[in-house]
């Protein structure tokens, strides 16, 4: 056999070996990707004839930010802020990817627009959700009366803005005179100071800060039981109070059913507190009993069948003046 014939035979054997034993050339991943590309090309024929490699790390980071933003649960309190922050961060990565990796001006322009739009929206949210402002002297009123009942600062600020005005009383000034001052035109909350409530020179109780001044009259007028104060309210010390016109406040509360329910709640508690203070005086004089409901009716009604003259049975005005409930009795409406 000639040398040429032997070489040809060896070449044929080498080809058979190469065919029978595949050699790992490190292109297994490319083959897998090629398989995926073939599947996509079969589903969308003619869509992509050639495929690029995986994109830059900036593109991957942007995709991760978008994924986290979409998976963020809404139960998280600052959900909106985190969501918008992740979107803006993703848009920044995409903008950098468009300028560094692919160098496409369209990508840069669109994502800059998305960033600006989201920043404008975040600024609007910050403006809307900013902490409502009202006068500092009303902070305690809000914290002790309205905040425990889930009234937001915005709602309280709007309530104050609904023709609520702050007035001052000097020591000895009179807020209302029995059977003279009408009770149909206002309702007020004491901000600071102490008010003395009396009837025919007999002390009934004191009004302390964060309590309604004329809650009994408000309720009596609502029930059409009286249009005049049945008590005299005098400033024991310099006082400040916030006052609303009745009709305007009623109209405003009709527009906000939740706040209307809150008002009825705190007014009811305020009336109960006043009845409690009156009952304390009755307990101090057990032999000289007096019906608490009769006292409440005499405070609220215009023409009571039971007059406050019967309070004289409880003792002299000096006896009443000596009794001052502890400041611990102040209502906080929790």
C-alpha atoms as a PDB file:
ATOM      1  CA  UNK A   1       0.000   0.000   0.000  1.00  0.00           C
ATOM      2  CA  UNK A   2       1.390   3.361  -0.941  1.00  0.00           C
ATOM      3  CA  UNK A   3       1.992   6.224   1.522  1.00  0.00           C
ATOM      4  CA  UNK A   4      -0.795   8.233  -0.041  1.00  0.00           C
ATOM      5  CA  UNK A   5      -3.315   5.468   0.494  1.00  0.00           C
ATOM      6  CA  UNK A   6      -2.278   5.096   4.165  1.00  0.00           C
ATOM      7  CA  UNK A   7      -2.647   8.807   4.845  1.00  0.00           C
ATOM      8  CA  UNK A   8      -6.108   8.822   3.326  1.00  0.00           C
ATOM      9  CA  UNK A   9      -7.111   5.906   5.484  1.00  0.00           C
ATOM     10  CA  UNK A  10      -5.815   7.618   8.631  1.00  0.00           C
ATOM     11  CA  UNK A  11      -7.699  10.818   7.721  1.00  0.00           C
ATOM     12  CA  UNK A  12     -10.930   8.910   7.362  1.00  0.00           C
ATOM     13  CA  UNK A  13     -10.429   7.299  10.751  1.00  0.00           C
ATOM     14  CA  UNK A  14      -9.736  10.704  12.356  1.00  0.00           C
ATOM     15  CA  UNK A  15     -12.944  12.102  10.926  1.00  0.00           C
ATOM     16  CA  UNK A  16     -14.895   9.154  12.267  1.00  0.00           C
ATOM     17  CA  UNK A  17     -13.401   9.624  15.749  1.00  0.00           C
ATOM     18  CA  UNK A  18     -14.174  13.337  15.753  1.00  0.00           C
ATOM     19  CA  UNK A  19     -17.738  12.597  14.772  1.00  0.00           C
ATOM     20  CA  UNK A  20     -18.182   9.856  17.332  1.00  0.00           C
ATOM     21  CA  UNK A  21     -16.632  11.756  20.294  1.00  0.00           C
ATOM     22  CA  UNK A  22     -17.928  15.322  20.648  1.00  0.00           C
ATOM     23  CA  UNK A  23     -15.403  17.816  21.909  1.00  0.00           C
ATOM     24  CA  UNK A  24     -16.464  20.439  24.526  1.00  0.00           C
ATOM     25  CA  UNK A  25     -15.385  23.714  22.977  1.00  0.00           C
ATOM     26  CA  UNK A  26     -16.956  25.908  25.681  1.00  0.00           C
ATOM     27  CA  UNK A  27     -19.867  27.065  23.534  1.00  0.00           C
ATOM     28  CA  UNK A  28     -22.630  25.187  25.406  1.00  0.00           C
ATOM     29  CA  UNK A  29     -24.199  28.415  26.683  1.00  0.00           C
ATOM     30  CA  UNK A  30     -24.269  29.828  23.182  1.00  0.00           C
ATOM     31  CA  UNK A  31     -26.063  26.720  21.988  1.00  0.00           C
ATOM     32  CA  UNK A  32     -28.677  27.147  24.771  1.00  0.00           C
ATOM     33  CA  UNK A  33     -29.203  30.776  23.843  1.00  0.00           C
ATOM     34  CA  UNK A  34     -29.426  29.768  20.219  1.00  0.00           C
ATOM     35  CA  UNK A  35     -32.200  27.359  21.177  1.00  0.00           C
ATOM     36  CA  UNK A  36     -34.128  30.137  22.944  1.00  0.00           C
ATOM     37  CA  UNK A  37     -33.623  32.394  19.952  1.00  0.00           C
ATOM     38  CA  UNK A  38     -34.940  29.673  17.653  1.00  0.00           C
ATOM     39  CA  UNK A  39     -38.078  29.322  19.788  1.00  0.00           C
ATOM     40  CA  UNK A  40     -38.715  33.090  19.787  1.00  0.00           C
ATOM     41  CA  UNK A  41     -38.072  33.264  16.048  1.00  0.00           C
ATOM     42  CA  UNK A  42     -40.610  30.472  15.553  1.00  0.00           C
ATOM     43  CA  UNK A  43     -43.233  32.340  17.617  1.00  0.00           C
ATOM     44  CA  UNK A  44     -42.476  35.717  16.004  1.00  0.00           C
ATOM     45  CA  UNK A  45     -41.122  34.885  12.540  1.00  0.00           C
ATOM     46  CA  UNK A  46     -38.945  37.591  11.091  1.00  0.00           C
ATOM     47  CA  UNK A  47     -38.867  39.627  14.326  1.00  0.00           C
ATOM     48  CA  UNK A  48     -35.201  39.149  15.156  1.00  0.00           C
ATOM     49  CA  UNK A  49     -32.715  37.591  12.759  1.00  0.00           C
ATOM     50  CA  UNK A  50     -29.730  38.297  14.996  1.00  0.00           C
ATOM     51  CA  UNK A  51     -29.565  38.611  18.791  1.00  0.00           C
ATOM     52  CA  UNK A  52     -27.246  40.742  20.896  1.00  0.00           C
ATOM     53  CA  UNK A  53     -25.453  39.659  24.054  1.00  0.00           C
ATOM     54  CA  UNK A  54     -26.729  40.482  27.574  1.00  0.00           C
ATOM     55  CA  UNK A  55     -26.910  44.196  28.219  1.00  0.00           C
ATOM     56  CA  UNK A  56     -24.749  46.354  30.469  1.00  0.00           C
ATOM     57  CA  UNK A  57     -24.944  46.081  34.266  1.00  0.00           C
ATOM     58  CA  UNK A  58     -26.743  49.465  34.379  1.00  0.00           C
ATOM     59  CA  UNK A  59     -29.614  47.959  32.405  1.00  0.00           C
ATOM     60  CA  UNK A  60     -29.803  45.067  34.866  1.00  0.00           C
ATOM     61  CA  UNK A  61     -29.816  47.419  37.866  1.00  0.00           C
ATOM     62  CA  UNK A  62     -32.623  49.458  36.312  1.00  0.00           C
ATOM     63  CA  UNK A  63     -34.660  46.294  35.738  1.00  0.00           C
ATOM     64  CA  UNK A  64     -34.124  45.243  39.364  1.00  0.00           C
ATOM     65  CA  UNK A  65     -35.388  48.647  40.575  1.00  0.00           C
ATOM     66  CA  UNK A  66     -38.513  48.344  38.432  1.00  0.00           C
ATOM     67  CA  UNK A  67     -39.106  44.802  39.696  1.00  0.00           C
ATOM     68  CA  UNK A  68     -38.800  45.878  43.353  1.00  0.00           C
ATOM     69  CA  UNK A  69     -41.155  48.809  42.747  1.00  0.00           C
ATOM     70  CA  UNK A  70     -43.809  46.491  41.297  1.00  0.00           C
ATOM     71  CA  UNK A  71     -43.410  43.897  44.076  1.00  0.00           C
ATOM     72  CA  UNK A  72     -43.548  46.466  46.891  1.00  0.00           C
ATOM     73  CA  UNK A  73     -46.565  45.637  49.136  1.00  0.00           C
ATOM     74  CA  UNK A  74     -49.046  48.445  49.678  1.00  0.00           C
ATOM     75  CA  UNK A  75     -49.369  47.650  53.387  1.00  0.00           C
ATOM     76  CA  UNK A  76     -46.081  49.460  53.962  1.00  0.00           C
ATOM     77  CA  UNK A  77     -46.966  52.931  55.229  1.00  0.00           C
ATOM     78  CA  UNK A  78     -44.586  54.987  53.009  1.00  0.00           C
ATOM     79  CA  UNK A  79     -45.475  52.802  49.993  1.00  0.00           C
ATOM     80  CA  UNK A  80     -45.944  55.731  47.613  1.00  0.00           C
ATOM     81  CA  UNK A  81     -42.621  57.325  48.518  1.00  0.00           C
ATOM     82  CA  UNK A  82     -40.620  54.091  48.168  1.00  0.00           C
ATOM     83  CA  UNK A  83     -42.402  53.234  44.910  1.00  0.00           C
ATOM     84  CA  UNK A  84     -41.616  56.609  43.366  1.00  0.00           C
ATOM     85  CA  UNK A  85     -38.045  56.491  44.664  1.00  0.00           C
ATOM     86  CA  UNK A  86     -37.405  53.102  43.052  1.00  0.00           C
ATOM     87  CA  UNK A  87     -38.892  54.311  39.771  1.00  0.00           C
ATOM     88  CA  UNK A  88     -36.686  57.402  39.735  1.00  0.00           C
ATOM     89  CA  UNK A  89     -33.600  55.313  40.559  1.00  0.00           C
ATOM     90  CA  UNK A  90     -34.452  52.885  37.747  1.00  0.00           C
ATOM     91  CA  UNK A  91     -34.941  55.748  35.298  1.00  0.00           C
ATOM     92  CA  UNK A  92     -31.541  57.163  36.262  1.00  0.00           C
ATOM     93  CA  UNK A  93     -29.881  53.789  35.579  1.00  0.00           C
ATOM     94  CA  UNK A  94     -31.652  53.551  32.221  1.00  0.00           C
ATOM     95  CA  UNK A  95     -30.558  57.067  31.324  1.00  0.00           C
ATOM     96  CA  UNK A  96     -26.935  56.195  32.151  1.00  0.00           C
ATOM     97  CA  UNK A  97     -27.240  52.959  30.191  1.00  0.00           C
ATOM     98  CA  UNK A  98     -28.493  54.865  27.151  1.00  0.00           C
ATOM     99  CA  UNK A  99     -25.578  57.289  27.341  1.00  0.00           C
ATOM    100  CA  UNK A 100     -22.750  54.908  28.295  1.00  0.00           C
ATOM    101  CA  UNK A 101     -23.598  51.482  26.890  1.00  0.00           C
ATOM    102  CA  UNK A 102     -25.729  51.957  23.772  1.00  0.00           C
ATOM    103  CA  UNK A 103     -25.229  55.681  23.101  1.00  0.00           C
ATOM    104  CA  UNK A 104     -28.812  56.327  21.957  1.00  0.00           C
ATOM    105  CA  UNK A 105     -30.112  59.864  22.411  1.00  0.00           C
ATOM    106  CA  UNK A 106     -33.764  58.746  22.298  1.00  0.00           C
ATOM    107  CA  UNK A 107     -33.263  56.572  25.377  1.00  0.00           C
ATOM    108  CA  UNK A 108     -31.591  59.432  27.251  1.00  0.00           C
ATOM    109  CA  UNK A 109     -34.315  61.911  26.286  1.00  0.00           C
ATOM    110  CA  UNK A 110     -37.253  59.690  27.242  1.00  0.00           C
ATOM    111  CA  UNK A 111     -35.864  58.663  30.611  1.00  0.00           C
ATOM    112  CA  UNK A 112     -34.908  62.229  31.502  1.00  0.00           C
ATOM    113  CA  UNK A 113     -38.555  63.111  30.808  1.00  0.00           C
ATOM    114  CA  UNK A 114     -39.705  60.245  33.061  1.00  0.00           C
ATOM    115  CA  UNK A 115     -37.384  61.445  35.840  1.00  0.00           C
ATOM    116  CA  UNK A 116     -38.703  65.009  35.631  1.00  0.00           C
ATOM    117  CA  UNK A 117     -42.343  63.844  35.652  1.00  0.00           C
ATOM    118  CA  UNK A 118     -41.789  61.689  38.730  1.00  0.00           C
ATOM    119  CA  UNK A 119     -39.953  64.467  40.553  1.00  0.00           C
ATOM    120  CA  UNK A 120     -42.872  66.806  39.844  1.00  0.00           C
ATOM    121  CA  UNK A 121     -45.313  64.195  41.161  1.00  0.00           C
ATOM    122  CA  UNK A 122     -43.228  63.619  44.301  1.00  0.00           C
ATOM    123  CA  UNK A 123     -43.131  67.383  44.902  1.00  0.00           C
ATOM    124  CA  UNK A 124     -46.918  67.517  44.587  1.00  0.00           C
ATOM    125  CA  UNK A 125     -47.310  64.642  47.067  1.00  0.00           C
ATOM    126  CA  UNK A 126     -44.995  66.400  49.517  1.00  0.00           C
ATOM    127  CA  UNK A 127     -47.074  69.568  49.204  1.00  0.00           C
ATOM    128  CA  UNK A 128     -50.393  67.755  49.675  1.00  0.00           C
ATOM    129  CA  UNK A 129     -49.187  65.636  52.592  1.00  0.00           C
ATOM    130  CA  UNK A 130     -47.344  68.402  54.371  1.00  0.00           C
ATOM    131  CA  UNK A 131     -48.198  68.893  58.017  1.00  0.00           C
ATOM    132  CA  UNK A 132     -51.183  71.181  58.326  1.00  0.00           C
ATOM    133  CA  UNK A 133     -50.482  74.371  60.233  1.00  0.00           C
ATOM    134  CA  UNK A 134     -52.658  76.173  62.731  1.00  0.00           C
ATOM    135  CA  UNK A 135     -51.970  78.456  65.665  1.00  0.00           C
ATOM    136  CA  UNK A 136     -49.674  77.003  68.311  1.00  0.00           C
ATOM    137  CA  UNK A 137     -52.170  77.642  71.088  1.00  0.00           C
ATOM    138  CA  UNK A 138     -54.522  75.156  69.396  1.00  0.00           C
ATOM    139  CA  UNK A 139     -52.007  72.298  69.455  1.00  0.00           C
ATOM    140  CA  UNK A 140     -53.189  71.126  72.874  1.00  0.00           C
ATOM    141  CA  UNK A 141     -56.849  71.308  71.826  1.00  0.00           C
ATOM    142  CA  UNK A 142     -56.120  69.142  68.806  1.00  0.00           C
ATOM    143  CA  UNK A 143     -53.919  66.677  70.698  1.00  0.00           C
ATOM    144  CA  UNK A 144     -56.351  66.099  73.586  1.00  0.00           C
ATOM    145  CA  UNK A 145     -59.764  66.364  71.917  1.00  0.00           C
ATOM    146  CA  UNK A 146     -59.591  65.620  68.210  1.00  0.00           C
ATOM    147  CA  UNK A 147     -56.470  63.531  67.597  1.00  0.00           C
ATOM    148  CA  UNK A 148     -57.590  60.612  69.838  1.00  0.00           C
ATOM    149  CA  UNK A 149     -60.700  60.359  67.645  1.00  0.00           C
ATOM    150  CA  UNK A 150     -58.570  59.979  64.493  1.00  0.00           C
ATOM    151  CA  UNK A 151     -59.180  63.496  63.204  1.00  0.00           C
ATOM    152  CA  UNK A 152     -56.276  64.451  60.941  1.00  0.00           C
ATOM    153  CA  UNK A 153     -54.402  67.711  61.225  1.00  0.00           C
ATOM    154  CA  UNK A 154     -55.720  68.736  57.814  1.00  0.00           C
ATOM    155  CA  UNK A 155     -59.317  68.184  58.926  1.00  0.00           C
ATOM    156  CA  UNK A 156     -58.784  70.126  62.145  1.00  0.00           C
ATOM    157  CA  UNK A 157     -57.029  72.945  60.290  1.00  0.00           C
ATOM    158  CA  UNK A 158     -59.982  73.168  57.893  1.00  0.00           C
ATOM    159  CA  UNK A 159     -62.357  73.204  60.857  1.00  0.00           C
ATOM    160  CA  UNK A 160     -60.450  76.091  62.425  1.00  0.00           C
ATOM    161  CA  UNK A 161     -60.471  77.892  59.089  1.00  0.00           C
ATOM    162  CA  UNK A 162     -64.258  77.485  58.886  1.00  0.00           C
ATOM    163  CA  UNK A 163     -64.792  80.897  60.545  1.00  0.00           C
ATOM    164  CA  UNK A 164     -63.302  79.761  63.830  1.00  0.00           C
ATOM    165  CA  UNK A 165     -62.038  82.798  65.754  1.00  0.00           C
ATOM    166  CA  UNK A 166     -59.997  83.091  68.931  1.00  0.00           C
ATOM    167  CA  UNK A 167     -61.176  85.512  71.620  1.00  0.00           C
ATOM    168  CA  UNK A 168     -59.800  86.611  74.979  1.00  0.00           C
ATOM    169  CA  UNK A 169     -61.439  87.249  78.333  1.00  0.00           C
ATOM    170  CA  UNK A 170     -59.849  89.167  81.166  1.00  0.00           C
ATOM    171  CA  UNK A 171     -60.330  88.093  84.742  1.00  0.00           C
ATOM    172  CA  UNK A 172     -63.863  88.991  85.780  1.00  0.00           C
ATOM    173  CA  UNK A 173     -65.184  89.315  82.217  1.00  0.00           C
ATOM    174  CA  UNK A 174     -68.502  87.619  81.536  1.00  0.00           C
ATOM    175  CA  UNK A 175     -68.933  85.140  78.693  1.00  0.00           C
ATOM    176  CA  UNK A 176     -72.686  84.706  79.184  1.00  0.00           C
ATOM    177  CA  UNK A 177     -75.385  86.021  81.518  1.00  0.00           C
ATOM    178  CA  UNK A 178     -78.289  83.809  82.535  1.00  0.00           C
ATOM    179  CA  UNK A 179     -81.612  84.559  80.837  1.00  0.00           C
ATOM    180  CA  UNK A 180     -80.033  87.364  78.810  1.00  0.00           C
ATOM    181  CA  UNK A 181     -77.387  85.938  76.506  1.00  0.00           C
ATOM    182  CA  UNK A 182     -78.754  83.962  73.588  1.00  0.00           C
ATOM    183  CA  UNK A 183     -77.342  80.484  73.092  1.00  0.00           C
ATOM    184  CA  UNK A 184     -78.321  80.106  69.464  1.00  0.00           C
ATOM    185  CA  UNK A 185     -75.450  81.833  67.729  1.00  0.00           C
ATOM    186  CA  UNK A 186     -72.179  80.150  68.813  1.00  0.00           C
ATOM    187  CA  UNK A 187     -70.275  77.306  70.391  1.00  0.00           C
ATOM    188  CA  UNK A 188     -66.811  77.597  71.931  1.00  0.00           C
ATOM    189  CA  UNK A 189     -63.934  75.546  73.331  1.00  0.00           C
ATOM    190  CA  UNK A 190     -61.815  76.927  76.161  1.00  0.00           C
ATOM    191  CA  UNK A 191     -58.132  77.061  75.199  1.00  0.00           C
ATOM    192  CA  UNK A 192     -56.597  78.436  78.388  1.00  0.00           C
ATOM    193  CA  UNK A 193     -57.708  79.805  81.747  1.00  0.00           C
ATOM    194  CA  UNK A 194     -60.635  78.866  83.995  1.00  0.00           C
ATOM    195  CA  UNK A 195     -64.314  79.788  83.766  1.00  0.00           C
ATOM    196  CA  UNK A 196     -66.798  79.802  86.637  1.00  0.00           C
ATOM    197  CA  UNK A 197     -70.320  78.572  85.905  1.00  0.00           C
ATOM    198  CA  UNK A 198     -73.003  79.770  88.306  1.00  0.00           C
ATOM    199  CA  UNK A 199     -76.747  80.161  88.487  1.00  0.00           C
ATOM    200  CA  UNK A 200     -78.371  82.803  90.682  1.00  0.00           C
ATOM    201  CA  UNK A 201     -75.009  83.290  92.412  1.00  0.00           C
ATOM    202  CA  UNK A 202     -74.679  79.579  93.195  1.00  0.00           C
ATOM    203  CA  UNK A 203     -71.548  77.879  91.888  1.00  0.00           C
ATOM    204  CA  UNK A 204     -72.281  74.906  89.672  1.00  0.00           C
ATOM    205  CA  UNK A 205     -68.859  73.911  88.362  1.00  0.00           C
ATOM    206  CA  UNK A 206     -65.714  75.173  86.659  1.00  0.00           C
ATOM    207  CA  UNK A 207     -64.699  74.886  83.027  1.00  0.00           C
ATOM    208  CA  UNK A 208     -61.072  74.039  82.327  1.00  0.00           C
ATOM    209  CA  UNK A 209     -58.998  74.119  79.116  1.00  0.00           C
ATOM    210  CA  UNK A 210     -59.965  71.704  76.338  1.00  0.00           C
ATOM    211  CA  UNK A 211     -63.604  71.669  77.433  1.00  0.00           C
ATOM    212  CA  UNK A 212     -66.613  73.121  75.640  1.00  0.00           C
ATOM    213  CA  UNK A 213     -67.967  76.267  77.223  1.00  0.00           C
ATOM    214  CA  UNK A 214     -71.575  75.960  76.075  1.00  0.00           C
ATOM    215  CA  UNK A 215     -72.092  72.297  75.206  1.00  0.00           C
ATOM    216  CA  UNK A 216     -75.305  72.098  77.268  1.00  0.00           C
ATOM    217  CA  UNK A 217     -76.775  75.069  75.432  1.00  0.00           C
ATOM    218  CA  UNK A 218     -75.760  73.613  72.065  1.00  0.00           C
ATOM    219  CA  UNK A 219     -77.633  70.399  72.852  1.00  0.00           C
ATOM    220  CA  UNK A 220     -80.620  72.209  74.347  1.00  0.00           C
ATOM    221  CA  UNK A 221     -80.973  74.406  71.283  1.00  0.00           C
ATOM    222  CA  UNK A 222     -80.723  71.359  69.025  1.00  0.00           C
ATOM    223  CA  UNK A 223     -83.621  69.816  70.959  1.00  0.00           C
ATOM    224  CA  UNK A 224     -85.593  73.103  70.784  1.00  0.00           C
ATOM    225  CA  UNK A 225     -85.598  73.383  74.579  1.00  0.00           C
ATOM    226  CA  UNK A 226     -84.163  76.846  74.995  1.00  0.00           C
ATOM    227  CA  UNK A 227     -82.562  79.829  73.316  1.00  0.00           C
ATOM    228  CA  UNK A 228     -81.006  81.540  76.329  1.00  0.00           C
ATOM    229  CA  UNK A 229     -78.279  80.662  78.765  1.00  0.00           C
ATOM    230  CA  UNK A 230     -79.617  79.456  82.086  1.00  0.00           C
ATOM    231  CA  UNK A 231     -76.233  80.037  83.720  1.00  0.00           C
ATOM    232  CA  UNK A 232     -73.714  82.839  84.079  1.00  0.00           C
ATOM    233  CA  UNK A 233     -70.192  82.091  82.891  1.00  0.00           C
ATOM    234  CA  UNK A 234     -67.420  84.300  84.285  1.00  0.00           C
ATOM    235  CA  UNK A 235     -63.660  84.272  83.757  1.00  0.00           C
ATOM    236  CA  UNK A 236     -61.829  83.269  86.932  1.00  0.00           C
ATOM    237  CA  UNK A 237     -58.510  84.045  85.228  1.00  0.00           C
ATOM    238  CA  UNK A 238     -57.396  85.409  81.848  1.00  0.00           C
ATOM    239  CA  UNK A 239     -58.914  83.081  79.261  1.00  0.00           C
ATOM    240  CA  UNK A 240     -58.729  82.318  75.579  1.00  0.00           C
ATOM    241  CA  UNK A 241     -61.314  80.383  73.634  1.00  0.00           C
ATOM    242  CA  UNK A 242     -62.073  79.500  70.025  1.00  0.00           C
ATOM    243  CA  UNK A 243     -65.609  80.140  68.857  1.00  0.00           C
ATOM    244  CA  UNK A 244     -67.628  79.149  65.773  1.00  0.00           C
ATOM    245  CA  UNK A 245     -70.922  80.634  64.543  1.00  0.00           C
ATOM    246  CA  UNK A 246     -73.560  77.964  65.063  1.00  0.00           C
ATOM    247  CA  UNK A 247     -75.234  78.035  61.658  1.00  0.00           C
ATOM    248  CA  UNK A 248     -71.976  78.128  59.738  1.00  0.00           C
ATOM    249  CA  UNK A 249     -70.553  75.280  61.813  1.00  0.00           C
ATOM    250  CA  UNK A 250     -73.698  73.180  61.349  1.00  0.00           C
ATOM    251  CA  UNK A 251     -73.485  73.661  57.588  1.00  0.00           C
ATOM    252  CA  UNK A 252     -69.794  72.742  57.599  1.00  0.00           C
ATOM    253  CA  UNK A 253     -70.427  69.587  59.651  1.00  0.00           C
ATOM    254  CA  UNK A 254     -73.144  68.520  57.231  1.00  0.00           C
ATOM    255  CA  UNK A 255     -70.489  68.474  54.522  1.00  0.00           C
ATOM    256  CA  UNK A 256     -68.288  66.156  56.624  1.00  0.00           C
ATOM    257  CA  UNK A 257     -70.277  63.305  58.253  1.00  0.00           C
ATOM    258  CA  UNK A 258     -67.211  61.938  60.049  1.00  0.00           C
ATOM    259  CA  UNK A 259     -66.416  65.256  61.709  1.00  0.00           C
ATOM    260  CA  UNK A 260     -70.106  65.693  62.524  1.00  0.00           C
ATOM    261  CA  UNK A 261     -70.060  62.358  64.382  1.00  0.00           C
ATOM    262  CA  UNK A 262     -66.868  63.403  66.185  1.00  0.00           C
ATOM    263  CA  UNK A 263     -68.485  66.655  67.319  1.00  0.00           C
ATOM    264  CA  UNK A 264     -71.536  64.860  68.690  1.00  0.00           C
ATOM    265  CA  UNK A 265     -69.227  62.483  70.530  1.00  0.00           C
ATOM    266  CA  UNK A 266     -67.057  65.103  72.222  1.00  0.00           C
ATOM    267  CA  UNK A 267     -70.045  67.327  73.051  1.00  0.00           C
ATOM    268  CA  UNK A 268     -71.797  64.364  74.661  1.00  0.00           C
ATOM    269  CA  UNK A 269     -68.703  63.553  76.721  1.00  0.00           C
ATOM    270  CA  UNK A 270     -68.385  67.182  77.730  1.00  0.00           C
ATOM    271  CA  UNK A 271     -71.983  67.259  78.990  1.00  0.00           C
ATOM    272  CA  UNK A 272     -71.416  64.053  80.947  1.00  0.00           C
ATOM    273  CA  UNK A 273     -68.318  65.599  82.526  1.00  0.00           C
ATOM    274  CA  UNK A 274     -70.326  68.605  83.671  1.00  0.00           C
ATOM    275  CA  UNK A 275     -73.033  66.348  85.123  1.00  0.00           C
ATOM    276  CA  UNK A 276     -70.335  64.420  86.938  1.00  0.00           C
ATOM    277  CA  UNK A 277     -68.994  67.595  88.529  1.00  0.00           C
ATOM    278  CA  UNK A 278     -72.510  68.548  89.625  1.00  0.00           C
ATOM    279  CA  UNK A 279     -73.063  65.103  91.063  1.00  0.00           C
ATOM    280  CA  UNK A 280     -69.861  65.410  93.093  1.00  0.00           C
ATOM    281  CA  UNK A 281     -71.417  68.362  94.864  1.00  0.00           C
ATOM    282  CA  UNK A 282     -74.546  66.331  95.587  1.00  0.00           C
ATOM    283  CA  UNK A 283     -72.445  63.527  97.042  1.00  0.00           C
ATOM    284  CA  UNK A 284     -70.796  66.017  99.376  1.00  0.00           C
ATOM    285  CA  UNK A 285     -74.279  66.922 100.718  1.00  0.00           C
ATOM    286  CA  UNK A 286     -76.068  63.554 100.980  1.00  0.00           C
ATOM    287  CA  UNK A 287     -78.861  64.664 103.362  1.00  0.00           C
ATOM    288  CA  UNK A 288     -79.911  67.475 101.043  1.00  0.00           C
ATOM    289  CA  UNK A 289     -80.473  65.441  97.886  1.00  0.00           C
ATOM    290  CA  UNK A 290     -81.088  67.009  94.532  1.00  0.00           C
ATOM    291  CA  UNK A 291     -81.793  65.226  91.273  1.00  0.00           C
ATOM    292  CA  UNK A 292     -78.899  65.522  88.830  1.00  0.00           C
ATOM    293  CA  UNK A 293     -81.207  65.343  85.827  1.00  0.00           C
ATOM    294  CA  UNK A 294     -83.221  68.265  87.185  1.00  0.00           C
ATOM    295  CA  UNK A 295     -80.048  70.324  87.412  1.00  0.00           C
ATOM    296  CA  UNK A 296     -79.150  69.441  83.832  1.00  0.00           C
ATOM    297  CA  UNK A 297     -82.612  70.395  82.655  1.00  0.00           C
ATOM    298  CA  UNK A 298     -82.534  73.661  84.538  1.00  0.00           C
ATOM    299  CA  UNK A 299     -79.236  74.497  82.876  1.00  0.00           C
ATOM    300  CA  UNK A 300     -80.571  73.791  79.402  1.00  0.00           C
ATOM    301  CA  UNK A 301     -84.274  74.664  79.435  1.00  0.00           C
ATOM    302  CA  UNK A 302     -85.703  78.086  78.908  1.00  0.00           C
ATOM    303  CA  UNK A 303     -88.690  77.809  81.261  1.00  0.00           C
ATOM    304  CA  UNK A 304     -87.757  75.211  83.829  1.00  0.00           C
ATOM    305  CA  UNK A 305     -90.369  73.995  86.274  1.00  0.00           C
ATOM    306  CA  UNK A 306     -87.513  73.336  88.622  1.00  0.00           C
ATOM    307  CA  UNK A 307     -85.607  76.533  89.386  1.00  0.00           C
ATOM    308  CA  UNK A 308     -82.069  76.828  90.574  1.00  0.00           C
ATOM    309  CA  UNK A 309     -83.313  78.429  93.768  1.00  0.00           C
ATOM    310  CA  UNK A 310     -83.494  74.927  95.191  1.00  0.00           C
ATOM    311  CA  UNK A 311     -79.714  74.866  95.080  1.00  0.00           C
ATOM    312  CA  UNK A 312     -79.817  76.957  98.213  1.00  0.00           C
ATOM    313  CA  UNK A 313     -80.775  73.739  99.995  1.00  0.00           C
ATOM    314  CA  UNK A 314     -77.241  72.555  99.421  1.00  0.00           C
ATOM    315  CA  UNK A 315     -75.633  75.384 101.309  1.00  0.00           C
ATOM    316  CA  UNK A 316     -74.448  78.933 100.950  1.00  0.00           C
ATOM    317  CA  UNK A 317     -72.521  80.304  97.972  1.00  0.00           C
ATOM    318  CA  UNK A 318     -69.421  80.239 100.160  1.00  0.00           C
ATOM    319  CA  UNK A 319     -69.807  76.476 100.569  1.00  0.00           C
ATOM    320  CA  UNK A 320     -69.847  76.045  96.827  1.00  0.00           C
ATOM    321  CA  UNK A 321     -66.931  78.399  96.294  1.00  0.00           C
ATOM    322  CA  UNK A 322     -64.876  76.301  98.690  1.00  0.00           C
ATOM    323  CA  UNK A 323     -65.393  73.275  96.477  1.00  0.00           C
ATOM    324  CA  UNK A 324     -63.153  73.190  93.427  1.00  0.00           C
ATOM    325  CA  UNK A 325     -62.639  69.884  91.619  1.00  0.00           C
ATOM    326  CA  UNK A 326     -59.042  68.829  91.192  1.00  0.00           C
ATOM    327  CA  UNK A 327     -57.365  69.637  87.895  1.00  0.00           C
ATOM    328  CA  UNK A 328     -57.088  65.903  87.466  1.00  0.00           C
ATOM    329  CA  UNK A 329     -60.759  66.017  86.529  1.00  0.00           C
ATOM    330  CA  UNK A 330     -59.892  67.777  83.302  1.00  0.00           C
ATOM    331  CA  UNK A 331     -61.340  65.884  80.370  1.00  0.00           C
ATOM    332  CA  UNK A 332     -58.925  64.615  77.736  1.00  0.00           C
ATOM    333  CA  UNK A 333     -61.482  62.596  75.707  1.00  0.00           C
ATOM    334  CA  UNK A 334     -59.359  59.499  75.311  1.00  0.00           C
END
